Amino acid sequence: MDILNILFALASIGLGAVGWLAPGYTMTLLDLKKSGDSNMGPSEVRAASGALFIGLGLGAILIGGPVAYGMIGCAWTGAAIGRATSLVLDGTSPLKWKFFATEAVVGLGALWVNFG
């Protein structure tokens, strides 16, 4: 189970690094557009889709207990619920389904390993 927890934390860190270090790529992938002269779009991606998930994964590794790793599950399952809501209310796309699958696997996997 320790290996799975480390893998979930590394997934959070790795995927977060993409948002943090490559916000332009992330915005293109997510079909987000920069608006006018504002640089808030890349800033939001770096923070909310990037460094937040790095902090989540690193925090779990540093704290090291089931509750810390379980929080990875809570966060990623929350993201999966938000994505599922979008699939129902905003329409589907293959990319949305891929993101939902990733979020659900990491989220529910971390919850199951630590609280199941």
PDB file of N, CA and C in Angstrom:
ATOM      1  N   MET A   1       0.815  -1.190   0.000  1.00  0.00           N
ATOM      2  CA  MET A   1       0.000   0.000   0.000  1.00  0.00           C
ATOM      3  C   MET A   1       0.867   1.266   0.000  1.00  0.00           C
ATOM      4  N   ASP A   2       2.027   1.194   0.631  1.00  0.00           N
ATOM      5  CA  ASP A   2       2.919   2.353   0.638  1.00  0.00           C
ATOM      6  C   ASP A   2       3.325   2.742  -0.770  1.00  0.00           C
ATOM      7  N   ILE A   3       3.566   1.744  -1.622  1.00  0.00           N
ATOM      8  CA  ILE A   3       3.947   2.022  -3.016  1.00  0.00           C
ATOM      9  C   ILE A   3       2.818   2.750  -3.728  1.00  0.00           C
ATOM     10  N   LEU A   4       1.586   2.301  -3.542  1.00  0.00           N
ATOM     11  CA  LEU A   4       0.443   2.967  -4.184  1.00  0.00           C
ATOM     12  C   LEU A   4       0.313   4.408  -3.699  1.00  0.00           C
ATOM     13  N   ASN A   5       0.482   4.625  -2.404  1.00  0.00           N
ATOM     14  CA  ASN A   5       0.399   5.994  -1.887  1.00  0.00           C
ATOM     15  C   ASN A   5       1.449   6.888  -2.520  1.00  0.00           C
ATOM     16  N   ILE A   6       2.667   6.389  -2.630  1.00  0.00           N
ATOM     17  CA  ILE A   6       3.730   7.180  -3.264  1.00  0.00           C
ATOM     18  C   ILE A   6       3.383   7.436  -4.726  1.00  0.00           C
ATOM     19  N   LEU A   7       2.836   6.442  -5.414  1.00  0.00           N
ATOM     20  CA  LEU A   7       2.446   6.638  -6.820  1.00  0.00           C
ATOM     21  C   LEU A   7       1.344   7.688  -6.959  1.00  0.00           C
ATOM     22  N   PHE A   8       0.368   7.661  -6.063  1.00  0.00           N
ATOM     23  CA  PHE A   8      -0.691   8.676  -6.105  1.00  0.00           C
ATOM     24  C   PHE A   8      -0.108  10.064  -5.844  1.00  0.00           C
ATOM     25  N   ALA A   9       0.800  10.162  -4.882  1.00  0.00           N
ATOM     26  CA  ALA A   9       1.432  11.453  -4.589  1.00  0.00           C
ATOM     27  C   ALA A   9       2.269  11.923  -5.779  1.00  0.00           C
ATOM     28  N   LEU A  10       3.012  11.010  -6.389  1.00  0.00           N
ATOM     29  CA  LEU A  10       3.827  11.383  -7.553  1.00  0.00           C
ATOM     30  C   LEU A  10       2.959  11.774  -8.747  1.00  0.00           C
ATOM     31  N   ALA A  11       1.806  11.121  -8.914  1.00  0.00           N
ATOM     32  CA  ALA A  11       0.875  11.514  -9.978  1.00  0.00           C
ATOM     33  C   ALA A  11       0.393  12.937  -9.743  1.00  0.00           C
ATOM     34  N   SER A  12       0.065  13.250  -8.501  1.00  0.00           N
ATOM     35  CA  SER A  12      -0.379  14.603  -8.172  1.00  0.00           C
ATOM     36  C   SER A  12       0.729  15.615  -8.448  1.00  0.00           C
ATOM     37  N   ILE A  13       1.947  15.290  -8.028  1.00  0.00           N
ATOM     38  CA  ILE A  13       3.079  16.185  -8.255  1.00  0.00           C
ATOM     39  C   ILE A  13       3.366  16.330  -9.745  1.00  0.00           C
ATOM     40  N   GLY A  14       3.401  15.228 -10.472  1.00  0.00           N
ATOM     41  CA  GLY A  14       3.731  15.270 -11.900  1.00  0.00           C
ATOM     42  C   GLY A  14       2.713  16.026 -12.718  1.00  0.00           C
ATOM     43  N   LEU A  15       1.443  15.730 -12.498  1.00  0.00           N
ATOM     44  CA  LEU A  15       0.402  16.442 -13.250  1.00  0.00           C
ATOM     45  C   LEU A  15       0.334  17.904 -12.829  1.00  0.00           C
ATOM     46  N   GLY A  16       0.568  18.171 -11.555  1.00  0.00           N
ATOM     47  CA  GLY A  16       0.614  19.555 -11.090  1.00  0.00           C
ATOM     48  C   GLY A  16       1.767  20.324 -11.712  1.00  0.00           C
ATOM     49  N   ALA A  17       2.898  19.647 -11.908  1.00  0.00           N
ATOM     50  CA  ALA A  17       4.066  20.310 -12.504  1.00  0.00           C
ATOM     51  C   ALA A  17       3.770  20.807 -13.916  1.00  0.00           C
ATOM     52  N   VAL A  18       2.939  20.051 -14.635  1.00  0.00           N
ATOM     53  CA  VAL A  18       2.577  20.486 -15.992  1.00  0.00           C
ATOM     54  C   VAL A  18       1.821  21.809 -15.925  1.00  0.00           C
ATOM     55  N   GLY A  19       0.832  21.900 -15.044  1.00  0.00           N
ATOM     56  CA  GLY A  19       0.071  23.144 -14.910  1.00  0.00           C
ATOM     57  C   GLY A  19       0.926  24.295 -14.409  1.00  0.00           C
ATOM     58  N   TRP A  20       1.829  24.006 -13.489  1.00  0.00           N
ATOM     59  CA  TRP A  20       2.669  25.042 -12.896  1.00  0.00           C
ATOM     60  C   TRP A  20       3.714  25.557 -13.868  1.00  0.00           C
ATOM     61  N   LEU A  21       4.403  24.644 -14.549  1.00  0.00           N
ATOM     62  CA  LEU A  21       5.537  25.031 -15.389  1.00  0.00           C
ATOM     63  C   LEU A  21       5.181  25.254 -16.853  1.00  0.00           C
ATOM     64  N   ALA A  22       4.028  24.763 -17.279  1.00  0.00           N
ATOM     65  CA  ALA A  22       3.612  24.929 -18.680  1.00  0.00           C
ATOM     66  C   ALA A  22       2.155  25.388 -18.748  1.00  0.00           C
ATOM     67  N   PRO A  23       1.860  26.573 -18.200  1.00  0.00           N
ATOM     68  CA  PRO A  23       0.467  27.009 -18.200  1.00  0.00           C
ATOM     69  C   PRO A  23      -0.081  27.242 -19.604  1.00  0.00           C
ATOM     70  N   GLY A  24       0.750  27.674 -20.527  1.00  0.00           N
ATOM     71  CA  GLY A  24       0.274  27.879 -21.901  1.00  0.00           C
ATOM     72  C   GLY A  24      -0.182  26.569 -22.528  1.00  0.00           C
ATOM     73  N   TYR A  25       0.606  25.525 -22.359  1.00  0.00           N
ATOM     74  CA  TYR A  25       0.241  24.196 -22.858  1.00  0.00           C
ATOM     75  C   TYR A  25      -1.051  23.734 -22.189  1.00  0.00           C
ATOM     76  N   THR A  26      -1.120  23.905 -20.880  1.00  0.00           N
ATOM     77  CA  THR A  26      -2.305  23.480 -20.130  1.00  0.00           C
ATOM     78  C   THR A  26      -3.537  24.241 -20.599  1.00  0.00           C
ATOM     79  N   MET A  27      -3.399  25.543 -20.811  1.00  0.00           N
ATOM     80  CA  MET A  27      -4.533  26.341 -21.268  1.00  0.00           C
ATOM     81  C   MET A  27      -4.985  25.911 -22.657  1.00  0.00           C
ATOM     82  N   THR A  28      -4.033  25.606 -23.527  1.00  0.00           N
ATOM     83  CA  THR A  28      -4.388  25.121 -24.867  1.00  0.00           C
ATOM     84  C   THR A  28      -5.107  23.784 -24.773  1.00  0.00           C
ATOM     85  N   LEU A  29      -4.576  22.876 -23.967  1.00  0.00           N
ATOM     86  CA  LEU A  29      -5.179  21.559 -23.799  1.00  0.00           C
ATOM     87  C   LEU A  29      -6.598  21.664 -23.260  1.00  0.00           C
ATOM     88  N   LEU A  30      -6.817  22.598 -22.348  1.00  0.00           N
ATOM     89  CA  LEU A  30      -8.120  22.760 -21.722  1.00  0.00           C
ATOM     90  C   LEU A  30      -9.032  23.736 -22.453  1.00  0.00           C
ATOM     91  N   ASP A  31      -8.575  24.225 -23.600  1.00  0.00           N
ATOM     92  CA  ASP A  31      -9.363  25.152 -24.412  1.00  0.00           C
ATOM     93  C   ASP A  31      -9.679  26.443 -23.661  1.00  0.00           C
ATOM     94  N   LEU A  32      -8.694  26.928 -22.897  1.00  0.00           N
ATOM     95  CA  LEU A  32      -8.826  28.192 -22.188  1.00  0.00           C
ATOM     96  C   LEU A  32      -8.093  29.270 -22.971  1.00  0.00           C
ATOM     97  N   LYS A  33      -8.611  30.457 -22.934  1.00  0.00           N
ATOM     98  CA  LYS A  33      -8.028  31.558 -23.698  1.00  0.00           C
ATOM     99  C   LYS A  33      -7.598  32.681 -22.759  1.00  0.00           C
ATOM    100  N   LYS A  34      -6.506  33.310 -23.118  1.00  0.00           N
ATOM    101  CA  LYS A  34      -6.070  34.515 -22.427  1.00  0.00           C
ATOM    102  C   LYS A  34      -6.973  35.658 -22.872  1.00  0.00           C
ATOM    103  N   SER A  35      -7.306  36.538 -21.950  1.00  0.00           N
ATOM    104  CA  SER A  35      -8.234  37.620 -22.258  1.00  0.00           C
ATOM    105  C   SER A  35      -7.518  38.961 -22.222  1.00  0.00           C
ATOM    106  N   GLY A  36      -7.446  39.621 -23.350  1.00  0.00           N
ATOM    107  CA  GLY A  36      -6.859  40.958 -23.414  1.00  0.00           C
ATOM    108  C   GLY A  36      -5.440  41.006 -22.878  1.00  0.00           C
ATOM    109  N   ASP A  37      -5.174  42.036 -22.092  1.00  0.00           N
ATOM    110  CA  ASP A  37      -3.844  42.222 -21.524  1.00  0.00           C
ATOM    111  C   ASP A  37      -3.674  41.525 -20.178  1.00  0.00           C
ATOM    112  N   SER A  38      -4.728  40.912 -19.676  1.00  0.00           N
ATOM    113  CA  SER A  38      -4.664  40.273 -18.361  1.00  0.00           C
ATOM    114  C   SER A  38      -3.785  39.026 -18.404  1.00  0.00           C
ATOM    115  N   ASN A  39      -3.024  38.831 -17.344  1.00  0.00           N
ATOM    116  CA  ASN A  39      -2.223  37.615 -17.231  1.00  0.00           C
ATOM    117  C   ASN A  39      -2.769  36.716 -16.117  1.00  0.00           C
ATOM    118  N   MET A  40      -4.027  36.917 -15.748  1.00  0.00           N
ATOM    119  CA  MET A  40      -4.631  36.123 -14.682  1.00  0.00           C
ATOM    120  C   MET A  40      -4.894  34.683 -15.101  1.00  0.00           C
ATOM    121  N   GLY A  41      -5.125  34.421 -16.383  1.00  0.00           N
ATOM    122  CA  GLY A  41      -5.360  33.047 -16.831  1.00  0.00           C
ATOM    123  C   GLY A  41      -4.175  32.146 -16.518  1.00  0.00           C
ATOM    124  N   PRO A  42      -2.980  32.482 -17.019  1.00  0.00           N
ATOM    125  CA  PRO A  42      -1.817  31.661 -16.689  1.00  0.00           C
ATOM    126  C   PRO A  42      -1.545  31.612 -15.186  1.00  0.00           C
ATOM    127  N   SER A  43      -1.794  32.709 -14.494  1.00  0.00           N
ATOM    128  CA  SER A  43      -1.586  32.731 -13.047  1.00  0.00           C
ATOM    129  C   SER A  43      -2.501  31.730 -12.349  1.00  0.00           C
ATOM    130  N   GLU A  44      -3.749  31.694 -12.759  1.00  0.00           N
ATOM    131  CA  GLU A  44      -4.714  30.763 -12.157  1.00  0.00           C
ATOM    132  C   GLU A  44      -4.340  29.316 -12.458  1.00  0.00           C
ATOM    133  N   VAL A  45      -3.909  29.049 -13.681  1.00  0.00           N
ATOM    134  CA  VAL A  45      -3.507  27.689 -14.045  1.00  0.00           C
ATOM    135  C   VAL A  45      -2.291  27.269 -13.222  1.00  0.00           C
ATOM    136  N   ARG A  46      -1.298  28.157 -13.115  1.00  0.00           N
ATOM    137  CA  ARG A  46      -0.105  27.820 -12.315  1.00  0.00           C
ATOM    138  C   ARG A  46      -0.476  27.511 -10.869  1.00  0.00           C
ATOM    139  N   ALA A  47      -1.423  28.283 -10.321  1.00  0.00           N
ATOM    140  CA  ALA A  47      -1.796  28.116  -8.912  1.00  0.00           C
ATOM    141  C   ALA A  47      -2.759  26.943  -8.714  1.00  0.00           C
ATOM    142  N   ALA A  48      -3.931  27.006  -9.341  1.00  0.00           N
ATOM    143  CA  ALA A  48      -5.000  26.050  -9.053  1.00  0.00           C
ATOM    144  C   ALA A  48      -4.863  24.718  -9.785  1.00  0.00           C
ATOM    145  N   SER A  49      -4.263  24.706 -10.938  1.00  0.00           N
ATOM    146  CA  SER A  49      -4.081  23.455 -11.680  1.00  0.00           C
ATOM    147  C   SER A  49      -2.643  22.964 -11.621  1.00  0.00           C
ATOM    148  N   GLY A  50      -1.804  23.675 -10.897  1.00  0.00           N
ATOM    149  CA  GLY A  50      -0.397  23.324 -10.871  1.00  0.00           C
ATOM    150  C   GLY A  50       0.157  23.162  -9.481  1.00  0.00           C
ATOM    151  N   ALA A  51       0.636  24.250  -8.924  1.00  0.00           N
ATOM    152  CA  ALA A  51       1.352  24.200  -7.651  1.00  0.00           C
ATOM    153  C   ALA A  51       0.492  23.669  -6.508  1.00  0.00           C
ATOM    154  N   LEU A  52      -0.808  23.870  -6.563  1.00  0.00           N
ATOM    155  CA  LEU A  52      -1.695  23.320  -5.540  1.00  0.00           C
ATOM    156  C   LEU A  52      -1.552  21.798  -5.459  1.00  0.00           C
ATOM    157  N   PHE A  53      -1.527  21.142  -6.615  1.00  0.00           N
ATOM    158  CA  PHE A  53      -1.413  19.685  -6.642  1.00  0.00           C
ATOM    159  C   PHE A  53      -0.008  19.211  -6.303  1.00  0.00           C
ATOM    160  N   ILE A  54       0.987  20.033  -6.589  1.00  0.00           N
ATOM    161  CA  ILE A  54       2.350  19.715  -6.154  1.00  0.00           C
ATOM    162  C   ILE A  54       2.402  19.757  -4.627  1.00  0.00           C
ATOM    163  N   GLY A  55       1.849  20.800  -4.037  1.00  0.00           N
ATOM    164  CA  GLY A  55       1.815  20.913  -2.584  1.00  0.00           C
ATOM    165  C   GLY A  55       1.052  19.772  -1.930  1.00  0.00           C
ATOM    166  N   LEU A  56      -0.020  19.366  -2.544  1.00  0.00           N
ATOM    167  CA  LEU A  56      -0.817  18.251  -2.037  1.00  0.00           C
ATOM    168  C   LEU A  56       0.014  16.966  -1.997  1.00  0.00           C
ATOM    169  N   GLY A  57       0.687  16.670  -3.100  1.00  0.00           N
ATOM    170  CA  GLY A  57       1.501  15.458  -3.160  1.00  0.00           C
ATOM    171  C   GLY A  57       2.703  15.509  -2.244  1.00  0.00           C
ATOM    172  N   LEU A  58       3.417  16.637  -2.244  1.00  0.00           N
ATOM    173  CA  LEU A  58       4.589  16.767  -1.370  1.00  0.00           C
ATOM    174  C   LEU A  58       4.185  16.736   0.104  1.00  0.00           C
ATOM    175  N   GLY A  59       3.086  17.389   0.427  1.00  0.00           N
ATOM    176  CA  GLY A  59       2.604  17.372   1.806  1.00  0.00           C
ATOM    177  C   GLY A  59       2.291  15.960   2.278  1.00  0.00           C
ATOM    178  N   ALA A  60       1.644  15.179   1.421  1.00  0.00           N
ATOM    179  CA  ALA A  60       1.331  13.794   1.785  1.00  0.00           C
ATOM    180  C   ALA A  60       2.601  12.988   2.017  1.00  0.00           C
ATOM    181  N   ILE A  61       3.602  13.166   1.157  1.00  0.00           N
ATOM    182  CA  ILE A  61       4.869  12.441   1.323  1.00  0.00           C
ATOM    183  C   ILE A  61       5.557  12.863   2.618  1.00  0.00           C
ATOM    184  N   LEU A  62       5.584  14.161   2.897  1.00  0.00           N
ATOM    185  CA  LEU A  62       6.255  14.649   4.103  1.00  0.00           C
ATOM    186  C   LEU A  62       5.540  14.212   5.381  1.00  0.00           C
ATOM    187  N   ILE A  63       4.218  14.262   5.390  1.00  0.00           N
ATOM    188  CA  ILE A  63       3.452  13.863   6.574  1.00  0.00           C
ATOM    189  C   ILE A  63       3.439  12.342   6.694  1.00  0.00           C
ATOM    190  N   GLY A  64       3.195  11.674   5.587  1.00  0.00           N
ATOM    191  CA  GLY A  64       3.372  10.236   5.494  1.00  0.00           C
ATOM    192  C   GLY A  64       2.328   9.331   6.090  1.00  0.00           C
ATOM    193  N   GLY A  65       1.252   9.830   6.630  1.00  0.00           N
ATOM    194  CA  GLY A  65       0.250   8.954   7.222  1.00  0.00           C
ATOM    195  C   GLY A  65      -0.929   8.724   6.295  1.00  0.00           C
ATOM    196  N   PRO A  66      -1.784   7.754   6.645  1.00  0.00           N
ATOM    197  CA  PRO A  66      -2.955   7.460   5.815  1.00  0.00           C
ATOM    198  C   PRO A  66      -3.881   8.653   5.609  1.00  0.00           C
ATOM    199  N   VAL A  67      -4.022   9.489   6.625  1.00  0.00           N
ATOM    200  CA  VAL A  67      -4.903  10.651   6.472  1.00  0.00           C
ATOM    201  C   VAL A  67      -4.325  11.617   5.445  1.00  0.00           C
ATOM    202  N   ALA A  68      -3.015  11.805   5.459  1.00  0.00           N
ATOM    203  CA  ALA A  68      -2.374  12.701   4.485  1.00  0.00           C
ATOM    204  C   ALA A  68      -2.564  12.165   3.072  1.00  0.00           C
ATOM    205  N   TYR A  69      -2.321  10.881   2.872  1.00  0.00           N
ATOM    206  CA  TYR A  69      -2.514  10.297   1.543  1.00  0.00           C
ATOM    207  C   TYR A  69      -3.995  10.246   1.181  1.00  0.00           C
ATOM    208  N   GLY A  70      -4.846  10.063   2.202  1.00  0.00           N
ATOM    209  CA  GLY A  70      -6.284  10.081   1.956  1.00  0.00           C
ATOM    210  C   GLY A  70      -6.769  11.429   1.452  1.00  0.00           C
ATOM    211  N   MET A  71      -6.100  12.497   1.867  1.00  0.00           N
ATOM    212  CA  MET A  71      -6.478  13.826   1.377  1.00  0.00           C
ATOM    213  C   MET A  71      -6.234  13.950  -0.127  1.00  0.00           C
ATOM    214  N   ILE A  72      -5.221  13.261  -0.640  1.00  0.00           N
ATOM    215  CA  ILE A  72      -5.045  13.211  -2.098  1.00  0.00           C
ATOM    216  C   ILE A  72      -6.311  12.631  -2.712  1.00  0.00           C
ATOM    217  N   GLY A  73      -6.822  11.570  -2.104  1.00  0.00           N
ATOM    218  CA  GLY A  73      -8.058  10.962  -2.596  1.00  0.00           C
ATOM    219  C   GLY A  73      -9.239  11.909  -2.543  1.00  0.00           C
ATOM    220  N   CYS A  74      -9.343  12.652  -1.443  1.00  0.00           N
ATOM    221  CA  CYS A  74     -10.451  13.613  -1.319  1.00  0.00           C
ATOM    222  C   CYS A  74     -10.371  14.686  -2.398  1.00  0.00           C
ATOM    223  N   ALA A  75      -9.192  15.234  -2.604  1.00  0.00           N
ATOM    224  CA  ALA A  75      -9.023  16.309  -3.590  1.00  0.00           C
ATOM    225  C   ALA A  75      -9.301  15.809  -5.004  1.00  0.00           C
ATOM    226  N   TRP A  76      -8.713  14.673  -5.362  1.00  0.00           N
ATOM    227  CA  TRP A  76      -8.887  14.169  -6.730  1.00  0.00           C
ATOM    228  C   TRP A  76     -10.300  13.647  -6.965  1.00  0.00           C
ATOM    229  N   THR A  77     -10.940  13.081  -5.940  1.00  0.00           N
ATOM    230  CA  THR A  77     -12.333  12.666  -6.093  1.00  0.00           C
ATOM    231  C   THR A  77     -13.229  13.888  -6.245  1.00  0.00           C
ATOM    232  N   GLY A  78     -12.909  14.957  -5.515  1.00  0.00           N
ATOM    233  CA  GLY A  78     -13.644  16.209  -5.708  1.00  0.00           C
ATOM    234  C   GLY A  78     -13.532  16.708  -7.136  1.00  0.00           C
ATOM    235  N   ALA A  79     -12.325  16.625  -7.701  1.00  0.00           N
ATOM    236  CA  ALA A  79     -12.141  17.022  -9.097  1.00  0.00           C
ATOM    237  C   ALA A  79     -12.962  16.125 -10.030  1.00  0.00           C
ATOM    238  N   ALA A  80     -12.994  14.824  -9.736  1.00  0.00           N
ATOM    239  CA  ALA A  80     -13.781  13.891 -10.563  1.00  0.00           C
ATOM    240  C   ALA A  80     -15.271  14.216 -10.493  1.00  0.00           C
ATOM    241  N   ILE A  81     -15.746  14.595  -9.316  1.00  0.00           N
ATOM    242  CA  ILE A  81     -17.156  14.971  -9.174  1.00  0.00           C
ATOM    243  C   ILE A  81     -17.450  16.233  -9.986  1.00  0.00           C
ATOM    244  N   GLY A  82     -16.549  17.203  -9.926  1.00  0.00           N
ATOM    245  CA  GLY A  82     -16.717  18.407 -10.742  1.00  0.00           C
ATOM    246  C   GLY A  82     -16.713  18.091 -12.225  1.00  0.00           C
ATOM    247  N   ARG A  83     -15.823  17.197 -12.640  1.00  0.00           N
ATOM    248  CA  ARG A  83     -15.752  16.808 -14.052  1.00  0.00           C
ATOM    249  C   ARG A  83     -17.014  16.050 -14.463  1.00  0.00           C
ATOM    250  N   ALA A  84     -17.507  15.165 -13.599  1.00  0.00           N
ATOM    251  CA  ALA A  84     -18.735  14.430 -13.906  1.00  0.00           C
ATOM    252  C   ALA A  84     -19.914  15.393 -14.047  1.00  0.00           C
ATOM    253  N   THR A  85     -19.953  16.399 -13.197  1.00  0.00           N
ATOM    254  CA  THR A  85     -21.000  17.412 -13.303  1.00  0.00           C
ATOM    255  C   THR A  85     -20.924  18.106 -14.652  1.00  0.00           C
ATOM    256  N   SER A  86     -19.705  18.420 -15.086  1.00  0.00           N
ATOM    257  CA  SER A  86     -19.532  19.053 -16.390  1.00  0.00           C
ATOM    258  C   SER A  86     -19.959  18.123 -17.530  1.00  0.00           C
ATOM    259  N   LEU A  87     -19.641  16.847 -17.400  1.00  0.00           N
ATOM    260  CA  LEU A  87     -20.049  15.894 -18.439  1.00  0.00           C
ATOM    261  C   LEU A  87     -21.568  15.863 -18.593  1.00  0.00           C
ATOM    262  N   VAL A  88     -22.285  15.960 -17.476  1.00  0.00           N
ATOM    263  CA  VAL A  88     -23.749  15.922 -17.516  1.00  0.00           C
ATOM    264  C   VAL A  88     -24.329  17.260 -17.972  1.00  0.00           C
ATOM    265  N   LEU A  89     -23.821  18.364 -17.429  1.00  0.00           N
ATOM    266  CA  LEU A  89     -24.443  19.670 -17.673  1.00  0.00           C
ATOM    267  C   LEU A  89     -23.881  20.422 -18.875  1.00  0.00           C
ATOM    268  N   ASP A  90     -22.601  20.189 -19.196  1.00  0.00           N
ATOM    269  CA  ASP A  90     -21.949  20.973 -20.243  1.00  0.00           C
ATOM    270  C   ASP A  90     -21.692  20.190 -21.519  1.00  0.00           C
ATOM    271  N   GLY A  91     -21.939  18.905 -21.504  1.00  0.00           N
ATOM    272  CA  GLY A  91     -21.695  18.078 -22.679  1.00  0.00           C
ATOM    273  C   GLY A  91     -20.401  17.280 -22.531  1.00  0.00           C
ATOM    274  N   THR A  92     -20.303  16.268 -23.354  1.00  0.00           N
ATOM    275  CA  THR A  92     -19.165  15.359 -23.256  1.00  0.00           C
ATOM    276  C   THR A  92     -18.158  15.616 -24.362  1.00  0.00           C
ATOM    277  N   SER A  93     -16.957  15.110 -24.118  1.00  0.00           N
ATOM    278  CA  SER A  93     -15.916  15.075 -25.135  1.00  0.00           C
ATOM    279  C   SER A  93     -14.941  13.982 -24.719  1.00  0.00           C
ATOM    280  N   PRO A  94     -14.209  13.422 -25.679  1.00  0.00           N
ATOM    281  CA  PRO A  94     -13.237  12.397 -25.304  1.00  0.00           C
ATOM    282  C   PRO A  94     -12.209  12.887 -24.285  1.00  0.00           C
ATOM    283  N   LEU A  95     -11.771  14.138 -24.405  1.00  0.00           N
ATOM    284  CA  LEU A  95     -10.782  14.672 -23.470  1.00  0.00           C
ATOM    285  C   LEU A  95     -11.361  14.776 -22.057  1.00  0.00           C
ATOM    286  N   LYS A  96     -12.624  15.208 -21.953  1.00  0.00           N
ATOM    287  CA  LYS A  96     -13.260  15.286 -20.636  1.00  0.00           C
ATOM    288  C   LYS A  96     -13.322  13.911 -19.987  1.00  0.00           C
ATOM    289  N   TRP A  97     -13.655  12.882 -20.794  1.00  0.00           N
ATOM    290  CA  TRP A  97     -13.715  11.525 -20.255  1.00  0.00           C
ATOM    291  C   TRP A  97     -12.337  11.056 -19.793  1.00  0.00           C
ATOM    292  N   LYS A  98     -11.277  11.413 -20.506  1.00  0.00           N
ATOM    293  CA  LYS A  98      -9.915  11.033 -20.103  1.00  0.00           C
ATOM    294  C   LYS A  98      -9.538  11.713 -18.792  1.00  0.00           C
ATOM    295  N   PHE A  99      -9.846  12.991 -18.677  1.00  0.00           N
ATOM    296  CA  PHE A  99      -9.555  13.706 -17.433  1.00  0.00           C
ATOM    297  C   PHE A  99     -10.361  13.106 -16.282  1.00  0.00           C
ATOM    298  N   PHE A 100     -11.649  12.830 -16.521  1.00  0.00           N
ATOM    299  CA  PHE A 100     -12.485  12.225 -15.489  1.00  0.00           C
ATOM    300  C   PHE A 100     -11.914  10.887 -15.043  1.00  0.00           C
ATOM    301  N   ALA A 101     -11.493  10.067 -15.979  1.00  0.00           N
ATOM    302  CA  ALA A 101     -10.939   8.754 -15.638  1.00  0.00           C
ATOM    303  C   ALA A 101      -9.689   8.892 -14.775  1.00  0.00           C
ATOM    304  N   THR A 102      -8.804   9.815 -15.148  1.00  0.00           N
ATOM    305  CA  THR A 102      -7.584  10.030 -14.365  1.00  0.00           C
ATOM    306  C   THR A 102      -7.926  10.495 -12.954  1.00  0.00           C
ATOM    307  N   GLU A 103      -8.818  11.462 -12.854  1.00  0.00           N
ATOM    308  CA  GLU A 103      -9.207  11.997 -11.550  1.00  0.00           C
ATOM    309  C   GLU A 103      -9.869  10.929 -10.682  1.00  0.00           C
ATOM    310  N   ALA A 104     -10.739  10.128 -11.291  1.00  0.00           N
ATOM    311  CA  ALA A 104     -11.439   9.087 -10.536  1.00  0.00           C
ATOM    312  C   ALA A 104     -10.481   7.989 -10.075  1.00  0.00           C
ATOM    313  N   VAL A 105      -9.556   7.581 -10.937  1.00  0.00           N
ATOM    314  CA  VAL A 105      -8.617   6.527 -10.558  1.00  0.00           C
ATOM    315  C   VAL A 105      -7.720   6.982  -9.408  1.00  0.00           C
ATOM    316  N   VAL A 106      -7.135   8.173  -9.534  1.00  0.00           N
ATOM    317  CA  VAL A 106      -6.264   8.672  -8.465  1.00  0.00           C
ATOM    318  C   VAL A 106      -7.090   8.912  -7.195  1.00  0.00           C
ATOM    319  N   GLY A 107      -8.225   9.571  -7.339  1.00  0.00           N
ATOM    320  CA  GLY A 107      -9.027   9.917  -6.166  1.00  0.00           C
ATOM    321  C   GLY A 107      -9.588   8.710  -5.443  1.00  0.00           C
ATOM    322  N   LEU A 108     -10.313   7.883  -6.157  1.00  0.00           N
ATOM    323  CA  LEU A 108     -10.926   6.723  -5.515  1.00  0.00           C
ATOM    324  C   LEU A 108      -9.878   5.706  -5.092  1.00  0.00           C
ATOM    325  N   GLY A 109      -8.803   5.598  -5.875  1.00  0.00           N
ATOM    326  CA  GLY A 109      -7.716   4.694  -5.494  1.00  0.00           C
ATOM    327  C   GLY A 109      -7.086   5.093  -4.179  1.00  0.00           C
ATOM    328  N   ALA A 110      -6.790   6.366  -4.020  1.00  0.00           N
ATOM    329  CA  ALA A 110      -6.178   6.842  -2.771  1.00  0.00           C
ATOM    330  C   ALA A 110      -7.149   6.708  -1.594  1.00  0.00           C
ATOM    331  N   LEU A 111      -8.422   6.937  -1.824  1.00  0.00           N
ATOM    332  CA  LEU A 111      -9.402   6.742  -0.749  1.00  0.00           C
ATOM    333  C   LEU A 111      -9.492   5.273  -0.352  1.00  0.00           C
ATOM    334  N   TRP A 112      -9.540   4.395  -1.329  1.00  0.00           N
ATOM    335  CA  TRP A 112      -9.667   2.961  -1.059  1.00  0.00           C
ATOM    336  C   TRP A 112      -8.431   2.440  -0.318  1.00  0.00           C
ATOM    337  N   VAL A 113      -7.256   2.804  -0.765  1.00  0.00           N
ATOM    338  CA  VAL A 113      -6.019   2.334  -0.149  1.00  0.00           C
ATOM    339  C   VAL A 113      -5.926   2.782   1.311  1.00  0.00           C
ATOM    340  N   ASN A 114      -6.377   3.984   1.610  1.00  0.00           N
ATOM    341  CA  ASN A 114      -6.179   4.545   2.940  1.00  0.00           C
ATOM    342  C   ASN A 114      -7.370   4.421   3.879  1.00  0.00           C
ATOM    343  N   PHE A 115      -8.566   4.308   3.320  1.00  0.00           N
ATOM    344  CA  PHE A 115      -9.750   4.246   4.177  1.00  0.00           C
ATOM    345  C   PHE A 115     -10.637   3.035   3.905  1.00  0.00           C
ATOM    346  N   GLY A 116     -10.262   2.233   2.889  1.00  0.00           N
ATOM    347  CA  GLY A 116     -11.117   1.111   2.475  1.00  0.00           C
ATOM    348  C   GLY A 116     -10.966  -0.081   3.239  1.00  0.00           C
TER     349      GLY A 116
END
